[in-house]
Amino acid sequence: MFGKTKDTIKSKNIAPEVQIITIPDEFFGGADPTVRFKKTEKVVDLNKNAGTIAPNEREKRKLDESTAKGSLFTGTKVWIIGGIALFILAIAGASLYYWWIGRQATTPQPVININPVVVTTRPTTTATEPIVAVPTTTATTTPETPVVIKESGLILPSKLSMESADIDNDGVSDTAEEIFGSDPGNPDTDADSYNDGHELYYLYNPNGIEPMKVIDSGVVKLFKSGNFNYSLYYPTNWLAASVDIEGRQMLFTTLNGEYIEARVFDMTPGQALVDWFAVNAPPDSLTNYADVESRFGARGKMRNDGLVYLYVSGERVYALVYHEIQENFVSYKKVLEVMARSFQIGKVSSTPSLSLPDGVSEYITGTSTATSSMAEDVNETVFATSSATKDEESGEEQII
């Protein structure tokens, strides 16, 4: 190049440690040779080092494989997901449509459209006339029937109800015998020649000569209503609870869920029991009831099956009703009878008049007779909404 030859360059003294890169012979003397590149094919081994492929390289290969199979929009998964999405949108749209239609249907019409004639002819009196007319009609009908009676009447047990087993056939079911402490296999537990059912009817203790009264035996106790002026006996191990704050509706409940309801109703002045009954106990009829009297002189009616008692005093009706849990099955009918026989209205007496059963001249009690003096009741449950005071003579706290 530039008048120098390759041999001239080589002839110079050059240090052996210096490496000189020379221009290929084709470029000397201003030559402009044609450069040709070799054609080679690159072979990629996909299985080589497959276990050590970098993450980005692996993703790239997957993309290459997916694109080689076709477009993303031609894949099966894409069509399935798209179909599901369209189905959900269709359901949501239909639901929104029907909701809107239902909302339009339930939208109340403007009050002004009810009577357009009144609005156009006498706009100054339209607002006054309906308000005056409605209360006038209600006020004339309300006094005919008290609110308590109109809203809820008696729920009566079925007339087909059967009493549970009574092995000794003494008139007291085996389950009730457990309540009164008598022997379910012996009709006369205390061997005094009177069966257990007969003694309980007269409120005597069927299990033992002493104490003579069932109230003194500890198996029953006295309930007093301070607000409605009545009392009765009920089993000691039963729960007594009021449905309302006044104690107008009391429930006496046993462990198996059966209960006896004691409820007080008010009658309108001059209303007869038969008229009250027609309102509060349909479809039953008062002709299915017989006259009854408790040991304390309370008089009323008893349904023929002995599951409903009604006592009347003044303008009040006192109802005792049995409520079974199993349909048409009664376990404690004798308990209801004891409650009804001990029912008392007015001043509560701790001791019933121990009149002897019919045909009995003397009630043998070992060393005592029916005319012997009795101890005062000590087992009492008193329900009232008033506060408690202390009896000055006994010093015991009472609720009045």
Protein backbone atom coordinates (compact mmCIF):
# COMPACT_ATOMS: atom_id res chain seq x y z
CA MET A 1 0.00 0.00 0.00
CA PHE A 2 1.28 3.54 -0.96
CA GLY A 3 4.30 2.20 -2.81
CA LYS A 4 5.36 -0.19 -0.09
CA THR A 5 5.32 -3.88 -0.39
CA LYS A 6 4.75 -6.62 2.11
CA ASP A 7 8.40 -7.63 1.89
CA THR A 8 9.53 -4.12 2.69
CA ILE A 9 7.56 -4.14 5.92
CA LYS A 10 8.84 -7.51 6.92
CA SER A 11 12.49 -6.47 6.40
CA LYS A 12 12.44 -3.94 9.13
CA ASN A 13 13.97 -4.79 12.42
CA ILE A 14 11.15 -5.33 14.80
CA ALA A 15 11.40 -6.49 18.32
CA PRO A 16 10.46 -10.13 18.58
CA GLU A 17 8.06 -9.48 21.52
CA VAL A 18 5.89 -7.11 19.48
CA GLN A 19 3.05 -8.81 17.65
CA ILE A 20 2.19 -7.23 14.35
CA ILE A 21 -1.07 -7.89 12.63
CA THR A 22 -0.70 -7.55 8.87
CA ILE A 23 -3.31 -6.82 6.26
CA PRO A 24 -4.27 -9.79 4.10
CA ASP A 25 -2.50 -9.96 0.76
CA GLU A 26 -5.73 -9.30 -1.08
CA PHE A 27 -5.74 -5.68 0.20
CA PHE A 28 -2.21 -4.69 -0.85
CA GLY A 29 -1.66 -2.30 -3.67
CA GLY A 30 -5.06 -0.65 -3.35
CA ALA A 31 -6.89 -3.82 -4.22
CA ASP A 32 -10.61 -3.94 -3.41
CA PRO A 33 -11.43 -7.64 -3.25
CA THR A 34 -14.93 -9.07 -3.04
CA VAL A 35 -15.76 -10.44 0.43
CA ARG A 36 -17.71 -13.71 0.52
CA PHE A 37 -19.23 -15.13 3.70
CA LYS A 38 -19.75 -18.78 4.22
CA LYS A 39 -23.33 -19.97 4.57
CA THR A 40 -23.79 -22.07 7.67
CA GLU A 41 -26.90 -23.56 9.28
CA LYS A 42 -27.35 -23.25 13.03
CA VAL A 43 -28.59 -26.36 14.68
CA VAL A 44 -30.34 -25.88 18.04
CA ASP A 45 -30.60 -28.91 20.28
CA LEU A 46 -33.72 -28.36 22.43
CA ASN A 47 -32.94 -31.31 24.66
CA LYS A 48 -29.46 -30.11 25.43
CA ASN A 49 -29.14 -28.73 28.95
CA ALA A 50 -32.94 -29.04 29.37
CA GLY A 51 -32.62 -29.26 33.10
CA THR A 52 -30.67 -26.01 33.38
CA ILE A 53 -32.63 -23.77 31.04
CA ALA A 54 -33.02 -20.27 32.44
CA PRO A 55 -36.59 -19.25 33.42
CA ASN A 56 -36.82 -16.55 30.77
CA GLU A 57 -35.62 -19.00 28.13
CA ARG A 58 -38.23 -21.57 29.20
CA GLU A 59 -41.05 -19.02 28.93
CA LYS A 60 -39.80 -17.99 25.55
CA ARG A 61 -39.89 -21.59 24.36
CA LYS A 62 -43.43 -22.05 25.62
CA LEU A 63 -44.49 -18.92 23.75
CA ASP A 64 -42.82 -20.22 20.62
CA GLU A 65 -44.66 -23.53 20.94
CA SER A 66 -48.06 -21.86 21.57
CA THR A 67 -47.70 -19.49 18.68
CA ALA A 68 -46.61 -22.36 16.49
CA LYS A 69 -49.91 -24.17 17.19
CA GLY A 70 -52.08 -21.22 16.20
CA SER A 71 -53.49 -17.87 17.33
CA LEU A 72 -54.44 -17.21 21.00
CA PHE A 73 -58.06 -16.63 19.97
CA THR A 74 -58.35 -20.12 18.47
CA GLY A 75 -57.56 -21.94 21.78
CA THR A 76 -60.28 -24.10 23.48
CA LYS A 77 -59.80 -22.52 26.92
CA VAL A 78 -60.40 -19.04 25.53
CA TRP A 79 -63.73 -20.09 24.03
CA ILE A 80 -64.86 -21.85 27.24
CA ILE A 81 -64.01 -18.86 29.45
CA GLY A 82 -65.69 -16.51 27.03
CA GLY A 83 -68.84 -18.64 26.96
CA ILE A 84 -69.08 -18.72 30.76
CA ALA A 85 -68.62 -14.96 30.97
CA LEU A 86 -71.40 -14.35 28.44
CA PHE A 87 -73.72 -16.75 30.35
CA ILE A 88 -73.13 -14.89 33.64
CA LEU A 89 -73.76 -11.54 31.97
CA ALA A 90 -77.02 -12.87 30.50
CA ILE A 91 -78.27 -14.06 33.92
CA ALA A 92 -77.32 -10.75 35.57
CA GLY A 93 -79.11 -8.82 32.87
CA ALA A 94 -82.28 -10.93 33.15
CA SER A 95 -82.29 -10.59 36.94
CA LEU A 96 -81.92 -6.83 36.72
CA TYR A 97 -84.73 -6.68 34.19
CA TYR A 98 -87.23 -8.67 36.31
CA TRP A 99 -86.25 -6.75 39.44
CA TRP A 100 -87.02 -3.49 37.70
CA ILE A 101 -90.37 -4.82 36.44
CA GLY A 102 -91.30 -6.02 39.97
CA ARG A 103 -90.31 -2.72 41.50
CA GLN A 104 -92.50 -0.85 39.07
CA ALA A 105 -95.43 -3.17 39.84
CA THR A 106 -95.16 -2.71 43.64
CA THR A 107 -94.72 1.06 43.53
CA PRO A 108 -97.79 2.53 45.30
CA GLN A 109 -99.97 4.81 43.26
CA PRO A 110 -100.22 8.42 44.35
CA VAL A 111 -103.00 9.02 46.84
CA ILE A 112 -104.37 11.84 44.73
CA ASN A 113 -105.52 9.34 42.05
CA ILE A 114 -107.85 7.44 44.40
CA ASN A 115 -110.63 10.01 44.30
CA PRO A 116 -109.95 12.64 41.63
CA VAL A 117 -113.51 13.94 41.84
CA VAL A 118 -113.08 15.05 45.45
CA VAL A 119 -109.79 16.77 44.71
CA THR A 120 -111.15 18.75 41.78
CA THR A 121 -114.52 19.72 43.23
CA ARG A 122 -113.77 20.43 46.89
CA PRO A 123 -110.00 20.63 47.44
CA THR A 124 -110.39 22.37 50.80
CA THR A 125 -112.40 19.52 52.42
CA THR A 126 -110.74 16.46 50.83
CA ALA A 127 -108.09 16.06 53.57
CA THR A 128 -110.64 16.48 56.38
CA GLU A 129 -113.45 14.09 55.33
CA PRO A 130 -111.49 10.75 55.26
CA ILE A 131 -109.84 11.46 58.63
CA VAL A 132 -113.19 12.16 60.31
CA ALA A 133 -114.96 9.13 58.76
CA VAL A 134 -112.45 6.39 59.67
CA PRO A 135 -112.14 7.07 63.44
CA THR A 136 -115.89 7.43 63.77
CA THR A 137 -116.48 3.87 62.44
CA THR A 138 -113.75 2.34 64.63
CA ALA A 139 -114.95 4.09 67.79
CA THR A 140 -118.46 2.70 67.40
CA THR A 141 -117.30 -0.96 67.07
CA THR A 142 -114.42 -1.12 69.58
CA PRO A 143 -116.53 -1.12 72.83
CA GLU A 144 -118.50 -4.18 71.65
CA THR A 145 -115.47 -6.50 72.14
CA PRO A 146 -112.49 -5.93 74.49
CA VAL A 147 -109.09 -5.88 72.81
CA VAL A 148 -107.77 -8.87 74.82
CA ILE A 149 -110.64 -11.10 73.74
CA LYS A 150 -110.61 -9.99 70.11
CA GLU A 151 -106.90 -10.47 69.54
CA SER A 152 -106.46 -13.98 70.96
CA GLY A 153 -108.87 -16.52 72.35
CA LEU A 154 -108.40 -19.92 73.95
CA ILE A 155 -106.44 -22.66 72.22
CA LEU A 156 -108.24 -25.82 73.29
CA PRO A 157 -106.86 -29.39 73.29
CA SER A 158 -108.29 -32.04 71.00
CA LYS A 159 -111.35 -33.92 72.21
CA LEU A 160 -109.69 -37.13 71.00
CA SER A 161 -106.80 -36.84 73.46
CA MET A 162 -105.94 -40.04 75.34
CA GLU A 163 -104.34 -40.31 78.78
CA SER A 164 -101.09 -42.18 79.30
CA ALA A 165 -100.92 -45.62 80.89
CA ASP A 166 -102.43 -46.28 84.33
CA ILE A 167 -101.27 -49.75 85.40
CA ASP A 168 -103.07 -49.91 88.76
CA ASN A 169 -106.24 -48.29 87.35
CA ASP A 170 -106.64 -45.84 90.23
CA GLY A 171 -107.42 -42.78 88.06
CA VAL A 172 -103.86 -41.46 88.26
CA SER A 173 -101.54 -42.08 85.29
CA ASP A 174 -98.18 -43.68 85.96
CA THR A 175 -96.38 -40.45 85.10
CA ALA A 176 -98.64 -38.45 87.43
CA GLU A 177 -98.03 -40.98 90.24
CA GLU A 178 -94.40 -39.85 90.21
CA ILE A 179 -95.54 -36.25 90.76
CA PHE A 180 -97.61 -37.12 93.86
CA GLY A 181 -95.19 -39.71 95.26
CA SER A 182 -97.68 -42.58 95.04
CA ASP A 183 -97.04 -46.14 93.86
CA PRO A 184 -97.96 -46.66 90.16
CA GLY A 185 -98.42 -50.39 90.86
CA ASN A 186 -100.65 -49.99 93.93
CA PRO A 187 -104.05 -48.29 93.67
CA ASP A 188 -104.03 -47.54 97.43
CA THR A 189 -100.50 -46.49 98.27
CA ASP A 190 -101.11 -45.68 101.95
CA ALA A 191 -103.46 -48.66 102.50
CA ASP A 192 -106.24 -46.56 104.02
CA SER A 193 -108.99 -48.21 101.92
CA TYR A 194 -109.26 -45.18 99.58
CA ASN A 195 -107.53 -45.35 96.18
CA ASP A 196 -105.01 -42.69 95.19
CA GLY A 197 -107.20 -40.97 92.61
CA HIS A 198 -110.07 -40.60 95.10
CA GLU A 199 -107.82 -39.01 97.71
CA LEU A 200 -106.30 -36.55 95.23
CA TYR A 201 -109.78 -35.50 94.09
CA TYR A 202 -110.47 -34.37 97.65
CA LEU A 203 -106.93 -32.87 97.93
CA TYR A 204 -105.73 -35.48 100.41
CA ASN A 205 -102.24 -36.98 100.43
CA PRO A 206 -102.31 -40.39 98.67
CA ASN A 207 -98.97 -41.46 100.11
CA GLY A 208 -99.19 -41.71 103.86
CA ILE A 209 -101.57 -41.11 106.72
CA GLU A 210 -99.73 -37.99 107.87
CA PRO A 211 -99.71 -35.28 106.68
CA MET A 212 -103.33 -35.60 105.65
CA LYS A 213 -103.46 -32.68 103.14
CA VAL A 214 -101.65 -32.89 99.82
CA ILE A 215 -100.47 -29.27 100.27
CA ASP A 216 -98.55 -30.34 103.39
CA SER A 217 -96.91 -33.32 101.69
CA GLY A 218 -94.42 -31.18 99.78
CA VAL A 219 -95.37 -32.56 96.35
CA VAL A 220 -97.45 -29.46 95.52
CA LYS A 221 -97.28 -25.83 96.55
CA LEU A 222 -99.63 -22.87 96.58
CA PHE A 223 -99.66 -20.28 93.79
CA LYS A 224 -101.20 -16.85 94.47
CA SER A 225 -101.97 -14.21 91.87
CA GLY A 226 -101.71 -10.79 93.45
CA ASN A 227 -103.11 -8.93 90.44
CA PHE A 228 -106.08 -11.18 89.64
CA ASN A 229 -107.00 -12.44 93.10
CA TYR A 230 -106.93 -16.21 92.67
CA SER A 231 -104.88 -19.16 93.92
CA LEU A 232 -104.33 -22.85 93.15
CA TYR A 233 -102.04 -25.81 93.88
CA TYR A 234 -99.43 -26.95 91.35
CA PRO A 235 -96.58 -29.54 91.41
CA THR A 236 -93.47 -28.46 93.26
CA ASN A 237 -91.09 -29.55 90.48
CA TRP A 238 -93.01 -27.73 87.73
CA LEU A 239 -92.03 -24.29 86.46
CA ALA A 240 -94.50 -21.40 86.90
CA ALA A 241 -93.92 -18.46 84.53
CA SER A 242 -95.96 -15.54 83.22
CA VAL A 243 -96.36 -14.76 79.54
CA ASP A 244 -97.16 -11.10 80.21
CA ILE A 245 -95.99 -8.57 82.79
CA GLU A 246 -99.33 -8.54 84.66
CA GLY A 247 -99.53 -12.29 85.16
CA ARG A 248 -102.78 -12.50 83.19
CA GLN A 249 -101.53 -15.63 81.40
CA MET A 250 -99.57 -18.12 83.52
CA LEU A 251 -97.94 -21.33 82.26
CA PHE A 252 -97.24 -24.25 84.59
CA THR A 253 -94.78 -26.47 82.72
CA THR A 254 -93.50 -29.98 83.39
CA LEU A 255 -90.12 -31.42 82.42
CA ASN A 256 -91.39 -33.14 79.26
CA GLY A 257 -92.80 -29.86 77.87
CA GLU A 258 -96.51 -30.40 78.55
CA TYR A 259 -98.07 -27.48 80.38
CA ILE A 260 -101.27 -26.17 81.93
CA GLU A 261 -102.37 -22.62 81.14
CA ALA A 262 -104.11 -20.41 83.70
CA ARG A 263 -105.52 -17.35 81.96
CA VAL A 264 -107.77 -14.46 82.98
CA PHE A 265 -110.25 -12.83 80.57
CA ASP A 266 -112.36 -9.72 81.05
CA MET A 267 -116.00 -9.81 80.01
CA THR A 268 -118.01 -6.78 78.95
CA PRO A 269 -120.66 -5.55 81.39
CA GLY A 270 -123.73 -7.74 81.25
CA GLN A 271 -122.12 -10.32 78.96
CA ALA A 272 -123.20 -13.92 79.55
CA LEU A 273 -120.70 -16.78 79.68
CA VAL A 274 -122.24 -18.43 76.62
CA ASP A 275 -121.73 -15.24 74.57
CA TRP A 276 -118.15 -14.89 75.81
CA PHE A 277 -117.50 -18.53 74.98
CA ALA A 278 -118.75 -18.15 71.40
CA VAL A 279 -116.15 -15.42 70.82
CA ASN A 280 -113.18 -16.98 72.62
CA ALA A 281 -113.49 -20.74 72.12
CA PRO A 282 -114.85 -21.50 68.65
CA PRO A 283 -115.66 -24.02 67.27
CA ASP A 284 -116.27 -25.68 70.66
CA SER A 285 -119.71 -25.42 72.24
CA LEU A 286 -120.61 -24.72 75.85
CA THR A 287 -123.07 -27.61 75.68
CA ASN A 288 -120.04 -29.91 76.02
CA TYR A 289 -119.36 -28.49 79.49
CA ALA A 290 -120.81 -29.55 82.84
CA ASP A 291 -121.16 -27.57 86.06
CA VAL A 292 -118.25 -27.88 88.47
CA GLU A 293 -117.27 -26.53 91.88
CA SER A 294 -113.84 -26.45 93.49
CA ARG A 295 -113.06 -27.45 97.08
CA PHE A 296 -112.99 -23.74 97.95
CA GLY A 297 -116.38 -22.93 96.45
CA ALA A 298 -115.34 -21.52 93.05
CA ARG A 299 -118.04 -22.38 90.51
CA GLY A 300 -117.73 -22.80 86.78
CA LYS A 301 -117.75 -25.25 83.87
CA MET A 302 -115.66 -28.32 83.01
CA ARG A 303 -115.38 -29.86 79.55
CA ASN A 304 -116.59 -33.45 79.46
CA ASP A 305 -113.06 -34.86 78.96
CA GLY A 306 -111.70 -32.94 81.98
CA LEU A 307 -109.06 -30.97 80.00
CA VAL A 308 -110.68 -27.51 80.22
CA TYR A 309 -112.07 -25.66 83.27
CA LEU A 310 -113.79 -22.25 83.26
CA TYR A 311 -114.49 -20.34 86.49
CA VAL A 312 -116.56 -17.15 86.47
CA SER A 313 -116.45 -14.35 89.03
CA GLY A 314 -118.01 -10.95 88.38
CA GLU A 315 -116.91 -9.83 84.94
CA ARG A 316 -113.92 -12.17 84.71
CA VAL A 317 -113.44 -15.67 83.34
CA TYR A 318 -110.60 -17.80 84.75
CA ALA A 319 -109.60 -20.58 82.32
CA LEU A 320 -107.47 -23.65 83.11
CA VAL A 321 -106.48 -25.46 79.91
CA TYR A 322 -104.28 -28.51 79.32
CA HIS A 323 -101.76 -28.32 76.44
CA GLU A 324 -100.19 -31.54 75.19
CA ILE A 325 -96.91 -31.79 73.28
CA GLN A 326 -97.57 -35.09 71.51
CA GLU A 327 -100.76 -34.82 69.51
CA ASN A 328 -103.78 -36.34 71.30
CA PHE A 329 -101.66 -37.65 74.20
CA VAL A 330 -102.05 -36.46 77.81
CA SER A 331 -99.72 -37.43 80.67
CA TYR A 332 -100.90 -35.28 83.61
CA LYS A 333 -104.67 -35.03 83.49
CA LYS A 334 -104.84 -35.67 87.27
CA VAL A 335 -102.56 -32.68 87.86
CA LEU A 336 -105.04 -30.41 86.09
CA GLU A 337 -107.82 -31.87 88.21
CA VAL A 338 -105.91 -31.08 91.43
CA MET A 339 -105.26 -27.52 90.19
CA ALA A 340 -108.94 -27.05 89.34
CA ARG A 341 -110.16 -28.59 92.60
CA SER A 342 -107.84 -26.29 94.58
CA PHE A 343 -108.85 -23.18 92.62
CA GLN A 344 -109.94 -20.30 94.82
CA ILE A 345 -111.10 -16.76 93.97
CA GLY A 346 -110.91 -13.96 96.52
CA LYS A 347 -109.24 -14.21 99.90
CA VAL A 348 -106.85 -17.15 99.91
CA SER A 349 -107.45 -19.73 102.60
CA SER A 350 -104.50 -21.85 103.61
CA THR A 351 -106.72 -24.82 104.44
CA PRO A 352 -109.74 -26.12 102.49
CA SER A 353 -112.79 -27.16 104.42
CA LEU A 354 -112.07 -30.83 104.85
CA SER A 355 -115.55 -32.09 104.10
CA LEU A 356 -115.57 -35.86 103.99
CA PRO A 357 -116.25 -37.77 100.77
CA ASP A 358 -119.78 -38.95 100.21
CA GLY A 359 -120.68 -41.93 102.37
CA VAL A 360 -117.69 -41.49 104.71
CA SER A 361 -118.50 -40.78 108.34
CA GLU A 362 -114.93 -40.53 109.58
CA TYR A 363 -111.62 -40.24 107.76
CA ILE A 364 -109.18 -42.40 109.69
CA THR A 365 -105.70 -40.89 109.98
CA GLY A 366 -104.15 -42.88 112.81
CA THR A 367 -104.41 -40.48 115.72
CA SER A 368 -106.12 -37.69 113.80
CA THR A 369 -109.49 -37.20 112.09
CA ALA A 370 -110.73 -34.84 109.43
CA THR A 371 -111.74 -32.29 112.04
CA SER A 372 -108.25 -32.02 113.49
CA SER A 373 -106.41 -28.72 113.22
CA MET A 374 -104.06 -28.23 110.28
CA ALA A 375 -100.73 -26.46 110.03
CA GLU A 376 -100.49 -23.37 107.90
CA ASP A 377 -99.18 -23.66 104.34
CA VAL A 378 -95.47 -22.97 104.02
CA ASN A 379 -94.97 -23.70 100.30
CA GLU A 380 -96.20 -20.73 98.27
CA THR A 381 -95.50 -19.04 94.95
CA VAL A 382 -96.82 -15.50 94.70
CA PHE A 383 -96.92 -13.57 91.43
CA ALA A 384 -97.62 -9.85 91.26
CA THR A 385 -96.13 -6.71 89.82
CA SER A 386 -96.29 -4.75 93.06
CA SER A 387 -93.52 -4.53 95.62
CA ALA A 388 -92.94 -6.82 98.58
CA THR A 389 -93.89 -5.92 102.16
CA LYS A 390 -93.42 -7.68 105.47
CA ASP A 391 -96.17 -9.27 107.48
CA GLU A 392 -96.11 -7.61 110.89
CA GLU A 393 -97.31 -10.68 112.77
CA SER A 394 -95.25 -13.44 111.12
CA GLY A 395 -92.32 -11.32 109.94
CA GLU A 396 -92.39 -13.16 106.60
CA GLU A 397 -91.96 -11.26 103.39
CA GLN A 398 -95.06 -11.27 101.20
CA ILE A 399 -96.01 -9.79 97.85
CA ILE A 400 -99.28 -7.93 97.71
